[in-house]
C-alpha atoms as a PDB file:
ATOM      1  CA  SER A   1     -73.065  57.128  37.750  1.00  0.00           C
ATOM      2  CA  ASP A   2     -69.686  55.627  38.486  1.00  0.00           C
ATOM      3  CA  ALA A   3     -68.989  53.738  41.721  1.00  0.00           C
ATOM      4  CA  PRO A   4     -67.044  56.418  43.670  1.00  0.00           C
ATOM      5  CA  ASN A   5     -69.829  58.998  43.212  1.00  0.00           C
ATOM      6  CA  PHE A   6     -72.558  56.416  43.858  1.00  0.00           C
ATOM      7  CA  TYR A   7     -71.126  55.708  47.307  1.00  0.00           C
ATOM      8  CA  ALA A   8     -70.238  59.328  48.071  1.00  0.00           C
ATOM      9  CA  TYR A   9     -73.924  60.285  48.132  1.00  0.00           C
ATOM     10  CA  GLN A  10     -75.367  57.480  50.250  1.00  0.00           C
ATOM     11  CA  GLU A  11     -77.049  59.067  53.274  1.00  0.00           C
ATOM     12  CA  GLY A  12     -75.738  57.817  56.647  1.00  0.00           C
ATOM     13  CA  MET A  13     -72.853  55.877  55.088  1.00  0.00           C
ATOM     14  CA  ASN A  14     -69.150  56.618  54.692  1.00  0.00           C
ATOM     15  CA  ARG A  15     -66.644  54.686  52.591  1.00  0.00           C
ATOM     16  CA  LEU A  16     -63.040  54.613  53.782  1.00  0.00           C
ATOM     17  CA  PRO A  17     -60.766  53.267  51.015  1.00  0.00           C
ATOM     18  CA  VAL A  18     -58.103  50.998  52.514  1.00  0.00           C
ATOM     19  CA  ARG A  19     -55.387  52.915  50.625  1.00  0.00           C
ATOM     20  CA  LYS A  20     -56.210  55.918  52.855  1.00  0.00           C
ATOM     21  CA  LEU A  21     -55.918  53.883  56.071  1.00  0.00           C
ATOM     22  CA  ASP A  22     -52.684  53.087  57.901  1.00  0.00           C
ATOM     23  CA  LEU A  23     -50.108  50.619  56.580  1.00  0.00           C
ATOM     24  CA  GLU A  24     -51.264  47.888  58.995  1.00  0.00           C
ATOM     25  CA  ALA A  25     -54.803  48.055  57.574  1.00  0.00           C
ATOM     26  CA  GLN A  26     -53.453  48.002  54.018  1.00  0.00           C
ATOM     27  CA  MET A  27     -51.298  44.938  54.768  1.00  0.00           C
ATOM     28  CA  LEU A  28     -54.215  43.143  56.449  1.00  0.00           C
ATOM     29  CA  SER A  29     -56.408  43.855  53.433  1.00  0.00           C
ATOM     30  CA  ALA A  30     -53.799  42.473  51.020  1.00  0.00           C
ATOM     31  CA  GLU A  31     -53.388  39.390  53.226  1.00  0.00           C
ATOM     32  CA  VAL A  32     -57.137  38.703  53.303  1.00  0.00           C
ATOM     33  CA  ILE A  33     -57.148  38.468  49.507  1.00  0.00           C
ATOM     34  CA  SER A  34     -53.776  36.828  48.784  1.00  0.00           C
ATOM     35  CA  ARG A  35     -53.383  34.475  51.750  1.00  0.00           C
ATOM     36  CA  ARG A  36     -56.963  33.631  52.644  1.00  0.00           C
ATOM     37  CA  LEU A  37     -59.397  34.120  49.768  1.00  0.00           C
ATOM     38  CA  LEU A  38     -57.346  33.009  46.753  1.00  0.00           C
ATOM     39  CA  PRO A  39     -56.054  29.829  48.482  1.00  0.00           C
ATOM     40  CA  PHE A  40     -59.660  29.130  49.549  1.00  0.00           C
ATOM     41  CA  PHE A  41     -60.723  29.238  45.890  1.00  0.00           C
ATOM     42  CA  GLU A  42     -57.863  26.891  44.931  1.00  0.00           C
ATOM     43  CA  ARG A  43     -58.534  24.358  47.722  1.00  0.00           C
ATOM     44  CA  GLN A  44     -62.314  24.450  48.025  1.00  0.00           C
ATOM     45  CA  LEU A  45     -63.632  25.852  44.736  1.00  0.00           C
ATOM     46  CA  PRO A  46     -61.134  25.044  41.943  1.00  0.00           C
ATOM     47  CA  ASP A  47     -63.914  24.499  39.377  1.00  0.00           C
ATOM     48  CA  VAL A  48     -65.478  27.851  40.283  1.00  0.00           C
ATOM     49  CA  ALA A  49     -62.044  29.537  40.086  1.00  0.00           C
ATOM     50  CA  GLU A  50     -61.496  27.970  36.662  1.00  0.00           C
ATOM     51  CA  GLU A  51     -64.859  29.259  35.453  1.00  0.00           C
ATOM     52  CA  LEU A  52     -64.431  32.748  36.929  1.00  0.00           C
ATOM     53  CA  PHE A  53     -60.724  33.395  36.387  1.00  0.00           C
ATOM     54  CA  GLY A  54     -59.703  30.938  33.665  1.00  0.00           C
ATOM     55  CA  GLN A  55     -57.528  28.863  36.003  1.00  0.00           C
ATOM     56  CA  GLY A  56     -58.104  26.837  39.158  1.00  0.00           C
ATOM     57  CA  GLU A  57     -54.632  27.219  40.655  1.00  0.00           C
ATOM     58  CA  GLY A  58     -51.830  29.774  40.736  1.00  0.00           C
ATOM     59  CA  LEU A  59     -54.340  32.533  41.467  1.00  0.00           C
ATOM     60  CA  ALA A  60     -51.806  34.479  43.568  1.00  0.00           C
ATOM     61  CA  SER A  61     -49.734  34.991  40.403  1.00  0.00           C
ATOM     62  CA  MET A  62     -52.647  36.798  38.744  1.00  0.00           C
ATOM     63  CA  LYS A  63     -53.218  40.559  38.880  1.00  0.00           C
ATOM     64  CA  VAL A  64     -56.005  41.689  41.206  1.00  0.00           C
ATOM     65  CA  CYS A  65     -57.989  44.638  39.799  1.00  0.00           C
ATOM     66  CA  PHE A  66     -60.349  46.164  42.363  1.00  0.00           C
ATOM     67  CA  SER A  67     -63.481  48.180  41.792  1.00  0.00           C
ATOM     68  CA  PRO A  68     -62.748  51.947  42.082  1.00  0.00           C
ATOM     69  CA  GLY A  69     -62.326  52.995  45.716  1.00  0.00           C
ATOM     70  CA  GLU A  70     -61.902  49.424  46.950  1.00  0.00           C
ATOM     71  CA  PRO A  71     -60.989  47.571  48.984  1.00  0.00           C
ATOM     72  CA  ALA A  72     -62.675  49.729  51.587  1.00  0.00           C
ATOM     73  CA  VAL A  73     -64.312  49.822  54.981  1.00  0.00           C
ATOM     74  CA  ASN A  74     -67.943  50.910  54.825  1.00  0.00           C
ATOM     75  CA  ARG A  75     -69.323  52.634  57.919  1.00  0.00           C
ATOM     76  CA  TYR A  76     -73.115  52.607  58.197  1.00  0.00           C
ATOM     77  CA  MET A  77     -74.675  54.943  60.757  1.00  0.00           C
ATOM     78  CA  VAL A  78     -78.371  55.171  61.691  1.00  0.00           C
ATOM     79  CA  GLY A  79     -80.357  55.264  58.451  1.00  0.00           C
ATOM     80  CA  GLY A  80     -77.280  54.347  56.420  1.00  0.00           C
ATOM     81  CA  GLY A  81     -77.539  51.789  53.662  1.00  0.00           C
ATOM     82  CA  ILE A  82     -76.831  51.281  49.964  1.00  0.00           C
ATOM     83  CA  ALA A  83     -79.512  51.068  47.272  1.00  0.00           C
ATOM     84  CA  PRO A  84     -79.827  47.880  45.180  1.00  0.00           C
ATOM     85  CA  HIS A  85     -76.943  47.577  42.716  1.00  0.00           C
ATOM     86  CA  THR A  86     -74.453  45.191  41.113  1.00  0.00           C
ATOM     87  CA  ASP A  87     -70.695  45.574  41.576  1.00  0.00           C
ATOM     88  CA  LYS A  88     -69.853  44.698  37.947  1.00  0.00           C
ATOM     89  CA  GLN A  89     -66.798  42.690  39.058  1.00  0.00           C
ATOM     90  CA  THR A  90     -66.180  38.943  39.012  1.00  0.00           C
ATOM     91  CA  VAL A  91     -66.260  38.510  42.804  1.00  0.00           C
ATOM     92  CA  THR A  92     -67.324  40.573  45.806  1.00  0.00           C
ATOM     93  CA  LEU A  93     -66.127  39.850  49.331  1.00  0.00           C
ATOM     94  CA  ASN A  94     -67.942  41.417  52.310  1.00  0.00           C
ATOM     95  CA  VAL A  95     -66.708  40.851  55.859  1.00  0.00           C
ATOM     96  CA  VAL A  96     -68.648  42.148  58.862  1.00  0.00           C
ATOM     97  CA  LEU A  97     -66.213  43.963  61.173  1.00  0.00           C
ATOM     98  CA  SER A  98     -68.678  45.042  63.882  1.00  0.00           C
ATOM     99  CA  ASP A  99     -70.030  42.798  66.596  1.00  0.00           C
ATOM    100  CA  LEU A 100     -73.738  42.097  66.002  1.00  0.00           C
ATOM    101  CA  GLY A 101     -74.512  43.836  69.316  1.00  0.00           C
ATOM    102  CA  ALA A 102     -72.947  47.097  68.069  1.00  0.00           C
ATOM    103  CA  PHE A 103     -75.852  47.839  65.727  1.00  0.00           C
ATOM    104  CA  ALA A 104     -79.414  46.860  64.828  1.00  0.00           C
ATOM    105  CA  GLY A 105     -80.785  46.477  61.329  1.00  0.00           C
ATOM    106  CA  GLY A 106     -78.268  46.501  58.504  1.00  0.00           C
ATOM    107  CA  GLY A 107     -77.300  43.399  56.601  1.00  0.00           C
ATOM    108  CA  THR A 108     -76.832  42.560  52.940  1.00  0.00           C
ATOM    109  CA  MET A 109     -79.955  41.918  50.866  1.00  0.00           C
ATOM    110  CA  PHE A 110     -79.885  39.741  47.740  1.00  0.00           C
ATOM    111  CA  TRP A 111     -82.453  39.155  44.943  1.00  0.00           C
ATOM    112  CA  PRO A 112     -83.359  36.291  44.452  1.00  0.00           C
ATOM    113  CA  GLN A 113     -81.498  33.904  46.737  1.00  0.00           C
ATOM    114  CA  ASP A 114     -81.963  30.158  46.644  1.00  0.00           C
ATOM    115  CA  GLY A 115     -79.768  28.039  48.859  1.00  0.00           C
ATOM    116  CA  PRO A 116     -79.082  26.775  52.340  1.00  0.00           C
ATOM    117  CA  GLU A 117     -79.367  29.171  55.233  1.00  0.00           C
ATOM    118  CA  ASP A 118     -76.620  29.291  57.832  1.00  0.00           C
ATOM    119  CA  ALA A 119     -78.085  28.513  61.263  1.00  0.00           C
ATOM    120  CA  GLU A 120     -75.715  31.057  62.875  1.00  0.00           C
ATOM    121  CA  MET A 121     -76.838  33.818  60.517  1.00  0.00           C
ATOM    122  CA  SER A 122     -79.847  36.055  61.048  1.00  0.00           C
ATOM    123  CA  VAL A 123     -81.964  35.788  57.878  1.00  0.00           C
ATOM    124  CA  GLU A 124     -84.848  38.115  56.983  1.00  0.00           C
ATOM    125  CA  ARG A 125     -86.990  37.235  53.959  1.00  0.00           C
ATOM    126  CA  THR A 126     -88.730  40.034  52.063  1.00  0.00           C
ATOM    127  CA  GLY A 127     -90.623  38.738  49.044  1.00  0.00           C
ATOM    128  CA  ASP A 128     -88.059  37.083  46.790  1.00  0.00           C
ATOM    129  CA  ALA A 129     -85.154  38.769  48.613  1.00  0.00           C
ATOM    130  CA  VAL A 130     -83.129  37.590  51.589  1.00  0.00           C
ATOM    131  CA  VAL A 131     -81.085  39.647  54.080  1.00  0.00           C
ATOM    132  CA  LEU A 132     -77.936  38.093  55.535  1.00  0.00           C
ATOM    133  CA  ARG A 133     -76.591  39.311  58.866  1.00  0.00           C
ATOM    134  CA  PRO A 134     -73.563  37.126  59.559  1.00  0.00           C
ATOM    135  CA  PRO A 135     -71.569  37.342  62.780  1.00  0.00           C
ATOM    136  CA  GLN A 136     -68.438  39.471  63.101  1.00  0.00           C
ATOM    137  CA  GLY A 137     -65.515  38.176  61.030  1.00  0.00           C
ATOM    138  CA  THR A 138     -67.696  36.106  58.713  1.00  0.00           C
ATOM    139  CA  ALA A 139     -67.237  36.626  54.982  1.00  0.00           C
ATOM    140  CA  ILE A 140     -69.966  36.722  52.370  1.00  0.00           C
ATOM    141  CA  LEU A 141     -68.558  35.865  48.945  1.00  0.00           C
ATOM    142  CA  PHE A 142     -70.691  36.331  45.837  1.00  0.00           C
ATOM    143  CA  ASN A 143     -70.662  36.983  42.114  1.00  0.00           C
ATOM    144  CA  GLY A 144     -70.399  40.725  41.521  1.00  0.00           C
ATOM    145  CA  GLN A 145     -73.216  40.547  38.955  1.00  0.00           C
ATOM    146  CA  VAL A 146     -75.741  39.622  41.671  1.00  0.00           C
ATOM    147  CA  THR A 147     -78.117  42.436  42.667  1.00  0.00           C
ATOM    148  CA  HIS A 148     -77.691  43.299  46.345  1.00  0.00           C
ATOM    149  CA  ALA A 149     -78.140  46.197  48.773  1.00  0.00           C
ATOM    150  CA  GLY A 150     -76.936  47.353  52.178  1.00  0.00           C
ATOM    151  CA  ARG A 151     -79.978  47.484  54.463  1.00  0.00           C
ATOM    152  CA  PRO A 152     -80.317  50.592  56.646  1.00  0.00           C
ATOM    153  CA  VAL A 153     -78.908  50.509  60.167  1.00  0.00           C
ATOM    154  CA  VAL A 154     -81.609  51.212  62.779  1.00  0.00           C
ATOM    155  CA  SER A 155     -79.288  51.916  65.730  1.00  0.00           C
ATOM    156  CA  GLY A 156     -75.556  51.923  66.410  1.00  0.00           C
ATOM    157  CA  VAL A 157     -72.814  51.737  63.784  1.00  0.00           C
ATOM    158  CA  ARG A 158     -72.016  48.847  61.422  1.00  0.00           C
ATOM    159  CA  HIS A 159     -68.608  48.439  59.741  1.00  0.00           C
ATOM    160  CA  THR A 160     -67.924  46.095  56.825  1.00  0.00           C
ATOM    161  CA  TYR A 161     -64.857  45.359  54.720  1.00  0.00           C
ATOM    162  CA  VAL A 162     -65.697  45.206  51.012  1.00  0.00           C
ATOM    163  CA  ALA A 163     -63.539  44.168  48.071  1.00  0.00           C
ATOM    164  CA  SER A 164     -64.993  43.687  44.591  1.00  0.00           C
ATOM    165  CA  PHE A 165     -62.454  42.532  42.033  1.00  0.00           C
ATOM    166  CA  ASN A 166     -61.452  40.718  38.877  1.00  0.00           C
ATOM    167  CA  LEU A 167     -58.327  38.571  38.428  1.00  0.00           C
ATOM    168  CA  PHE A 168     -56.293  38.740  35.223  1.00  0.00           C
ATOM    169  CA  SER A 169     -53.452  36.518  34.048  1.00  0.00           C
ATOM    170  CA  LEU A 170     -50.097  38.270  33.723  1.00  0.00           C
ATOM    171  CA  ASP A 171     -49.149  35.941  30.839  1.00  0.00           C
END
């Protein structure tokens, strides 16, 4: 099934595409990508940018092509989550918008995950998988080919910003 239908049928979860939100939200979304994320790649991860996008600088001059229905705000209510999947894009950016006290459960699960754990992040290990529950405003950036899932919310409501995309040269 294609991405828009996949998300439309997730129990206890709503997806709000940014294009359907107000202009302020649309501008903020564009700024997150163009003024924060792409310069981060250029300054901190130029070799990764080169490998992923074919160039390590001038990323803002490239065309951003988002996954259908993205960028978006995902709203997870009690029982809401997303089954394991891959985004089939070069990069996925998830940003937790809700305060950790606004919900219980939730989080993003990855298979397998080898690497350092952030001391400020709540980490739950399940077999070979790991669940990340970063604090509000913290971004999780990962390759869109990595299998991941949205863990069900046990209480409250969890909001996340999600943008899965590829960059293409306009030359």
